[in-house]
Amino acid sequence: MGELTPYLCVADARAAIEWYVDVLGAEVVLDPIVMDDGRVGHVELAVGPGRWMMSDEFDSAGVAAPDTSRGACVSLHLKVDDVDATCARVVASGVVLDRGPEDSPPAGRVAVFRDPFGHRWFLNQPLG
């Protein structure tokens, strides 16, 4: 059976780790592997069962952060217990929501935003 785990690239992994922990309530499930030049080569985070990997940019490997001057080519769908509370933390961090929070049957309570590192998130809270 296959499993798909997103592997994000950001321009500042340390700042991204802090933001995802503080704002999304993520947990660092694999501590950062720091390269000789000080960049984060790998880290793993999770919100509940939702897990993702992340690194700093590495030109030599063709790994680059999103171009924030363009639209996102991928959205990350994250189920959360409370969309409104998560959105409150997102907005308090200075991020503007693209959509919601709103009820959108049959999906549930939803919201969309782009994080400070260029990644687009679709938050979902299934309705009771």
N, C-alpha and C. Protein backbone atom coordinates (compact mmCIF):
# COMPACT_ATOMS: atom_id res chain seq x y z
N MET A 1 0.85 -1.17 0.00
CA MET A 1 0.00 0.00 0.00
C MET A 1 0.89 1.23 0.00
N GLY A 2 0.60 2.19 -0.82
CA GLY A 2 1.39 3.41 -0.91
C GLY A 2 0.96 4.46 0.10
N GLU A 3 1.89 5.37 0.39
CA GLU A 3 1.60 6.50 1.26
C GLU A 3 2.27 7.72 0.65
N LEU A 4 1.54 8.82 0.58
CA LEU A 4 2.05 10.04 -0.01
C LEU A 4 2.32 11.05 1.10
N THR A 5 3.56 11.54 1.16
CA THR A 5 3.95 12.52 2.17
C THR A 5 4.56 13.71 1.45
N PRO A 6 3.98 14.90 1.59
CA PRO A 6 4.56 16.07 0.93
C PRO A 6 5.94 16.39 1.49
N TYR A 7 6.82 16.87 0.62
CA TYR A 7 8.16 17.29 1.01
C TYR A 7 8.30 18.74 0.57
N LEU A 8 8.16 19.67 1.52
CA LEU A 8 8.17 21.09 1.21
C LEU A 8 9.58 21.65 1.22
N CYS A 9 9.80 22.65 0.40
CA CYS A 9 11.04 23.41 0.41
C CYS A 9 10.69 24.84 0.77
N VAL A 10 11.49 25.44 1.64
CA VAL A 10 11.27 26.82 2.07
C VAL A 10 12.60 27.56 2.05
N ALA A 11 12.53 28.87 2.01
CA ALA A 11 13.74 29.68 1.98
C ALA A 11 14.39 29.78 3.36
N ASP A 12 13.62 29.54 4.43
CA ASP A 12 14.15 29.63 5.80
C ASP A 12 13.47 28.57 6.65
N ALA A 13 14.06 27.38 6.69
CA ALA A 13 13.44 26.25 7.38
C ALA A 13 13.27 26.49 8.88
N ARG A 14 14.23 27.16 9.50
CA ARG A 14 14.10 27.40 10.94
C ARG A 14 12.88 28.27 11.24
N ALA A 15 12.70 29.33 10.46
CA ALA A 15 11.52 30.19 10.63
C ALA A 15 10.24 29.42 10.32
N ALA A 16 10.28 28.58 9.30
CA ALA A 16 9.10 27.80 8.93
C ALA A 16 8.73 26.81 10.04
N ILE A 17 9.72 26.15 10.62
CA ILE A 17 9.45 25.21 11.71
C ILE A 17 8.75 25.96 12.84
N GLU A 18 9.29 27.10 13.22
CA GLU A 18 8.70 27.89 14.31
C GLU A 18 7.27 28.30 13.97
N TRP A 19 7.03 28.75 12.73
CA TRP A 19 5.69 29.20 12.32
C TRP A 19 4.71 28.03 12.34
N TYR A 20 5.09 26.90 11.76
CA TYR A 20 4.18 25.75 11.71
C TYR A 20 3.86 25.23 13.12
N VAL A 21 4.83 25.26 14.01
CA VAL A 21 4.59 24.82 15.39
C VAL A 21 3.66 25.81 16.10
N ASP A 22 3.99 27.10 16.02
CA ASP A 22 3.21 28.12 16.74
C ASP A 22 1.82 28.32 16.17
N VAL A 23 1.70 28.34 14.84
CA VAL A 23 0.44 28.72 14.20
C VAL A 23 -0.43 27.51 13.87
N LEU A 24 0.15 26.47 13.29
CA LEU A 24 -0.65 25.30 12.92
C LEU A 24 -0.71 24.26 14.03
N GLY A 25 0.08 24.45 15.07
CA GLY A 25 0.11 23.46 16.15
C GLY A 25 0.87 22.21 15.78
N ALA A 26 1.80 22.34 14.83
CA ALA A 26 2.58 21.18 14.40
C ALA A 26 3.52 20.71 15.50
N GLU A 27 3.90 19.46 15.38
CA GLU A 27 4.90 18.86 16.27
C GLU A 27 6.08 18.45 15.40
N VAL A 28 7.28 18.72 15.84
CA VAL A 28 8.47 18.23 15.14
C VAL A 28 8.62 16.76 15.51
N VAL A 29 8.45 15.88 14.53
CA VAL A 29 8.50 14.44 14.81
C VAL A 29 9.85 13.83 14.43
N LEU A 30 10.64 14.55 13.65
CA LEU A 30 12.03 14.17 13.39
C LEU A 30 12.82 15.46 13.42
N ASP A 31 13.73 15.57 14.38
CA ASP A 31 14.50 16.80 14.55
C ASP A 31 15.26 17.17 13.28
N PRO A 32 15.50 18.47 13.10
CA PRO A 32 16.21 18.92 11.89
C PRO A 32 17.59 18.27 11.76
N ILE A 33 17.88 17.85 10.55
CA ILE A 33 19.22 17.41 10.19
C ILE A 33 19.89 18.64 9.57
N VAL A 34 20.92 19.14 10.23
CA VAL A 34 21.58 20.37 9.80
C VAL A 34 22.83 20.01 9.01
N MET A 35 22.95 20.60 7.83
CA MET A 35 24.08 20.35 6.95
C MET A 35 25.30 21.13 7.43
N ASP A 36 26.46 20.80 6.89
CA ASP A 36 27.71 21.47 7.28
C ASP A 36 27.65 22.98 7.08
N ASP A 37 26.87 23.43 6.09
CA ASP A 37 26.78 24.87 5.82
C ASP A 37 25.70 25.56 6.66
N GLY A 38 25.05 24.81 7.57
CA GLY A 38 24.06 25.39 8.46
C GLY A 38 22.62 25.28 7.98
N ARG A 39 22.41 24.90 6.73
CA ARG A 39 21.04 24.76 6.24
C ARG A 39 20.40 23.49 6.77
N VAL A 40 19.07 23.55 6.90
CA VAL A 40 18.32 22.36 7.31
C VAL A 40 18.15 21.47 6.08
N GLY A 41 18.71 20.28 6.16
CA GLY A 41 18.62 19.34 5.05
C GLY A 41 17.37 18.49 5.10
N HIS A 42 16.80 18.34 6.31
CA HIS A 42 15.60 17.52 6.45
C HIS A 42 15.03 17.73 7.85
N VAL A 43 13.72 17.82 7.92
CA VAL A 43 12.98 17.85 9.17
C VAL A 43 11.59 17.28 8.87
N GLU A 44 10.96 16.70 9.87
CA GLU A 44 9.61 16.17 9.67
C GLU A 44 8.69 16.75 10.74
N LEU A 45 7.50 17.18 10.29
CA LEU A 45 6.50 17.78 11.16
C LEU A 45 5.17 17.06 10.98
N ALA A 46 4.29 17.22 11.98
CA ALA A 46 2.98 16.59 11.89
C ALA A 46 1.96 17.42 12.65
N VAL A 47 0.73 17.38 12.15
CA VAL A 47 -0.45 17.87 12.86
C VAL A 47 -1.38 16.67 12.90
N GLY A 48 -1.52 16.08 14.07
CA GLY A 48 -2.28 14.83 14.15
C GLY A 48 -1.62 13.81 13.26
N PRO A 49 -2.41 13.08 12.47
CA PRO A 49 -1.82 12.09 11.58
C PRO A 49 -1.25 12.69 10.28
N GLY A 50 -1.50 13.98 10.04
CA GLY A 50 -0.99 14.64 8.84
C GLY A 50 0.47 14.98 9.01
N ARG A 51 1.30 14.45 8.15
CA ARG A 51 2.75 14.58 8.28
C ARG A 51 3.35 15.15 7.01
N TRP A 52 4.41 15.96 7.17
CA TRP A 52 5.15 16.43 6.00
C TRP A 52 6.62 16.57 6.34
N MET A 53 7.43 16.54 5.28
CA MET A 53 8.87 16.71 5.39
C MET A 53 9.21 18.09 4.84
N MET A 54 10.39 18.59 5.21
CA MET A 54 10.73 19.94 4.76
C MET A 54 12.25 20.10 4.77
N SER A 55 12.72 21.02 3.91
CA SER A 55 14.13 21.38 3.89
C SER A 55 14.28 22.83 3.44
N ASP A 56 15.48 23.34 3.64
CA ASP A 56 15.86 24.61 3.03
C ASP A 56 16.08 24.38 1.55
N GLU A 57 16.32 25.46 0.81
CA GLU A 57 16.61 25.36 -0.62
C GLU A 57 17.99 24.75 -0.85
N PHE A 58 18.10 23.97 -1.91
CA PHE A 58 19.37 23.38 -2.33
C PHE A 58 19.44 23.43 -3.85
N ASP A 59 20.11 24.47 -4.38
CA ASP A 59 20.24 24.60 -5.83
C ASP A 59 20.88 23.37 -6.45
N SER A 60 21.86 22.81 -5.76
CA SER A 60 22.58 21.65 -6.31
C SER A 60 21.67 20.45 -6.52
N ALA A 61 20.57 20.38 -5.77
CA ALA A 61 19.63 19.27 -5.91
C ALA A 61 18.37 19.68 -6.68
N GLY A 62 18.34 20.93 -7.14
CA GLY A 62 17.15 21.40 -7.86
C GLY A 62 15.95 21.59 -6.96
N VAL A 63 16.19 21.91 -5.69
CA VAL A 63 15.11 22.08 -4.72
C VAL A 63 14.99 23.57 -4.39
N ALA A 64 13.83 24.15 -4.70
CA ALA A 64 13.63 25.59 -4.49
C ALA A 64 12.29 25.86 -3.83
N ALA A 65 12.26 26.93 -3.07
CA ALA A 65 11.01 27.37 -2.44
C ALA A 65 10.06 27.88 -3.52
N PRO A 66 8.76 27.94 -3.22
CA PRO A 66 7.80 28.44 -4.20
C PRO A 66 8.09 29.88 -4.62
N ASP A 67 7.76 30.18 -5.86
CA ASP A 67 7.85 31.55 -6.38
C ASP A 67 6.56 32.25 -5.97
N THR A 68 6.64 33.12 -4.95
CA THR A 68 5.43 33.74 -4.41
C THR A 68 4.81 34.77 -5.34
N SER A 69 5.48 35.10 -6.44
CA SER A 69 4.89 36.03 -7.41
C SER A 69 3.91 35.32 -8.33
N ARG A 70 3.81 34.01 -8.22
CA ARG A 70 2.90 33.22 -9.05
C ARG A 70 1.90 32.50 -8.16
N GLY A 71 0.88 31.96 -8.77
CA GLY A 71 -0.08 31.15 -8.03
C GLY A 71 0.55 29.85 -7.60
N ALA A 72 -0.05 29.22 -6.62
CA ALA A 72 0.46 27.94 -6.11
C ALA A 72 0.08 26.81 -7.06
N CYS A 73 0.99 25.89 -7.28
CA CYS A 73 0.69 24.74 -8.14
C CYS A 73 0.17 23.55 -7.35
N VAL A 74 0.30 23.60 -6.02
CA VAL A 74 -0.17 22.53 -5.15
C VAL A 74 -0.82 23.15 -3.92
N SER A 75 -1.90 22.55 -3.46
CA SER A 75 -2.51 22.94 -2.19
C SER A 75 -2.37 21.78 -1.22
N LEU A 76 -2.07 22.11 0.02
CA LEU A 76 -1.95 21.10 1.06
C LEU A 76 -3.27 21.08 1.84
N HIS A 77 -3.91 19.93 1.89
CA HIS A 77 -5.19 19.77 2.57
C HIS A 77 -4.92 19.25 3.97
N LEU A 78 -5.35 20.01 4.98
CA LEU A 78 -5.08 19.64 6.37
C LEU A 78 -6.37 19.63 7.16
N LYS A 79 -6.74 18.46 7.71
CA LYS A 79 -7.89 18.37 8.59
C LYS A 79 -7.46 18.85 9.98
N VAL A 80 -8.27 19.72 10.55
CA VAL A 80 -7.99 20.25 11.89
C VAL A 80 -9.25 20.11 12.74
N ASP A 81 -9.08 20.16 14.05
CA ASP A 81 -10.22 20.04 14.96
C ASP A 81 -11.08 21.30 14.97
N ASP A 82 -10.46 22.47 14.74
CA ASP A 82 -11.18 23.74 14.84
C ASP A 82 -10.63 24.73 13.81
N VAL A 83 -11.30 24.82 12.67
CA VAL A 83 -10.86 25.71 11.59
C VAL A 83 -10.81 27.16 12.08
N ASP A 84 -11.82 27.59 12.84
CA ASP A 84 -11.87 28.98 13.27
C ASP A 84 -10.70 29.34 14.19
N ALA A 85 -10.36 28.46 15.11
CA ALA A 85 -9.24 28.72 16.01
C ALA A 85 -7.92 28.73 15.24
N THR A 86 -7.77 27.81 14.31
CA THR A 86 -6.55 27.78 13.50
C THR A 86 -6.45 29.05 12.66
N CYS A 87 -7.56 29.47 12.07
CA CYS A 87 -7.56 30.70 11.27
C CYS A 87 -7.23 31.93 12.12
N ALA A 88 -7.70 31.95 13.35
CA ALA A 88 -7.38 33.07 14.24
C ALA A 88 -5.88 33.16 14.46
N ARG A 89 -5.21 32.03 14.62
CA ARG A 89 -3.75 32.04 14.78
C ARG A 89 -3.06 32.44 13.49
N VAL A 90 -3.57 31.96 12.35
CA VAL A 90 -3.00 32.32 11.05
C VAL A 90 -3.07 33.84 10.85
N VAL A 91 -4.25 34.42 11.08
CA VAL A 91 -4.44 35.86 10.90
C VAL A 91 -3.59 36.64 11.90
N ALA A 92 -3.51 36.17 13.14
CA ALA A 92 -2.70 36.85 14.16
C ALA A 92 -1.22 36.86 13.78
N SER A 93 -0.80 35.90 12.96
CA SER A 93 0.60 35.84 12.52
C SER A 93 0.88 36.80 11.36
N GLY A 94 -0.19 37.47 10.87
CA GLY A 94 -0.01 38.43 9.78
C GLY A 94 -0.39 37.92 8.41
N VAL A 95 -0.90 36.70 8.34
CA VAL A 95 -1.29 36.11 7.06
C VAL A 95 -2.75 36.46 6.76
N VAL A 96 -3.02 36.80 5.52
CA VAL A 96 -4.38 37.10 5.08
C VAL A 96 -5.01 35.82 4.52
N LEU A 97 -6.21 35.53 4.95
CA LEU A 97 -6.92 34.35 4.43
C LEU A 97 -7.39 34.62 3.00
N ASP A 98 -7.28 33.61 2.16
CA ASP A 98 -7.82 33.70 0.80
C ASP A 98 -9.31 33.38 0.77
N ARG A 99 -9.75 32.57 1.74
CA ARG A 99 -11.14 32.12 1.78
C ARG A 99 -11.46 31.66 3.19
N GLY A 100 -12.69 31.97 3.61
CA GLY A 100 -13.22 31.45 4.86
C GLY A 100 -12.72 32.18 6.08
N PRO A 101 -12.96 31.56 7.24
CA PRO A 101 -13.58 30.25 7.39
C PRO A 101 -15.07 30.30 7.05
N GLU A 102 -15.54 29.22 6.45
CA GLU A 102 -16.93 29.14 6.01
C GLU A 102 -17.38 27.69 5.95
N ASP A 103 -18.68 27.50 6.07
CA ASP A 103 -19.24 26.16 5.90
C ASP A 103 -19.41 25.92 4.41
N SER A 104 -18.93 24.77 3.95
CA SER A 104 -18.99 24.43 2.54
C SER A 104 -19.37 22.96 2.39
N PRO A 105 -20.69 22.67 2.58
CA PRO A 105 -21.13 21.29 2.48
C PRO A 105 -20.86 20.73 1.07
N PRO A 106 -20.48 19.50 0.93
CA PRO A 106 -20.35 18.50 1.99
C PRO A 106 -18.95 18.46 2.62
N ALA A 107 -18.04 19.33 2.20
CA ALA A 107 -16.66 19.29 2.71
C ALA A 107 -16.59 19.56 4.20
N GLY A 108 -17.37 20.51 4.68
CA GLY A 108 -17.35 20.88 6.08
C GLY A 108 -16.99 22.35 6.24
N ARG A 109 -16.37 22.68 7.33
CA ARG A 109 -15.91 24.04 7.59
C ARG A 109 -14.53 24.15 6.96
N VAL A 110 -14.31 25.17 6.13
CA VAL A 110 -13.08 25.27 5.36
C VAL A 110 -12.50 26.68 5.40
N ALA A 111 -11.22 26.75 5.09
CA ALA A 111 -10.52 28.03 4.93
C ALA A 111 -9.28 27.76 4.08
N VAL A 112 -8.83 28.80 3.39
CA VAL A 112 -7.65 28.68 2.53
C VAL A 112 -6.74 29.87 2.79
N PHE A 113 -5.44 29.61 2.84
CA PHE A 113 -4.45 30.69 2.99
C PHE A 113 -3.13 30.24 2.38
N ARG A 114 -2.28 31.21 2.12
CA ARG A 114 -0.91 30.93 1.72
C ARG A 114 -0.01 31.33 2.87
N ASP A 115 0.82 30.40 3.33
CA ASP A 115 1.68 30.67 4.48
C ASP A 115 2.82 31.63 4.10
N PRO A 116 3.57 32.13 5.06
CA PRO A 116 4.64 33.09 4.76
C PRO A 116 5.76 32.52 3.89
N PHE A 117 5.74 31.22 3.64
CA PHE A 117 6.81 30.57 2.88
C PHE A 117 6.36 30.17 1.48
N GLY A 118 5.12 30.60 1.11
CA GLY A 118 4.63 30.40 -0.25
C GLY A 118 3.78 29.18 -0.48
N HIS A 119 3.50 28.40 0.55
CA HIS A 119 2.70 27.18 0.38
C HIS A 119 1.23 27.47 0.68
N ARG A 120 0.35 26.92 -0.16
CA ARG A 120 -1.10 27.13 -0.05
C ARG A 120 -1.71 25.99 0.76
N TRP A 121 -2.46 26.36 1.79
CA TRP A 121 -3.09 25.40 2.69
C TRP A 121 -4.60 25.49 2.59
N PHE A 122 -5.25 24.35 2.57
CA PHE A 122 -6.71 24.22 2.59
C PHE A 122 -7.05 23.52 3.90
N LEU A 123 -7.59 24.27 4.83
CA LEU A 123 -7.98 23.71 6.13
C LEU A 123 -9.39 23.15 6.05
N ASN A 124 -9.61 22.04 6.71
CA ASN A 124 -10.91 21.38 6.68
C ASN A 124 -11.25 20.84 8.06
N GLN A 125 -12.48 21.14 8.48
CA GLN A 125 -13.04 20.58 9.71
C GLN A 125 -14.36 19.93 9.32
N PRO A 126 -14.40 18.60 9.29
CA PRO A 126 -15.66 17.95 8.92
C PRO A 126 -16.79 18.41 9.84
N LEU A 127 -17.97 18.60 9.27
CA LEU A 127 -19.13 19.02 10.06
C LEU A 127 -19.72 17.83 10.78
N GLY A 128 -20.12 18.08 12.04
CA GLY A 128 -20.68 17.13 12.96
C GLY A 128 -21.45 16.02 12.43
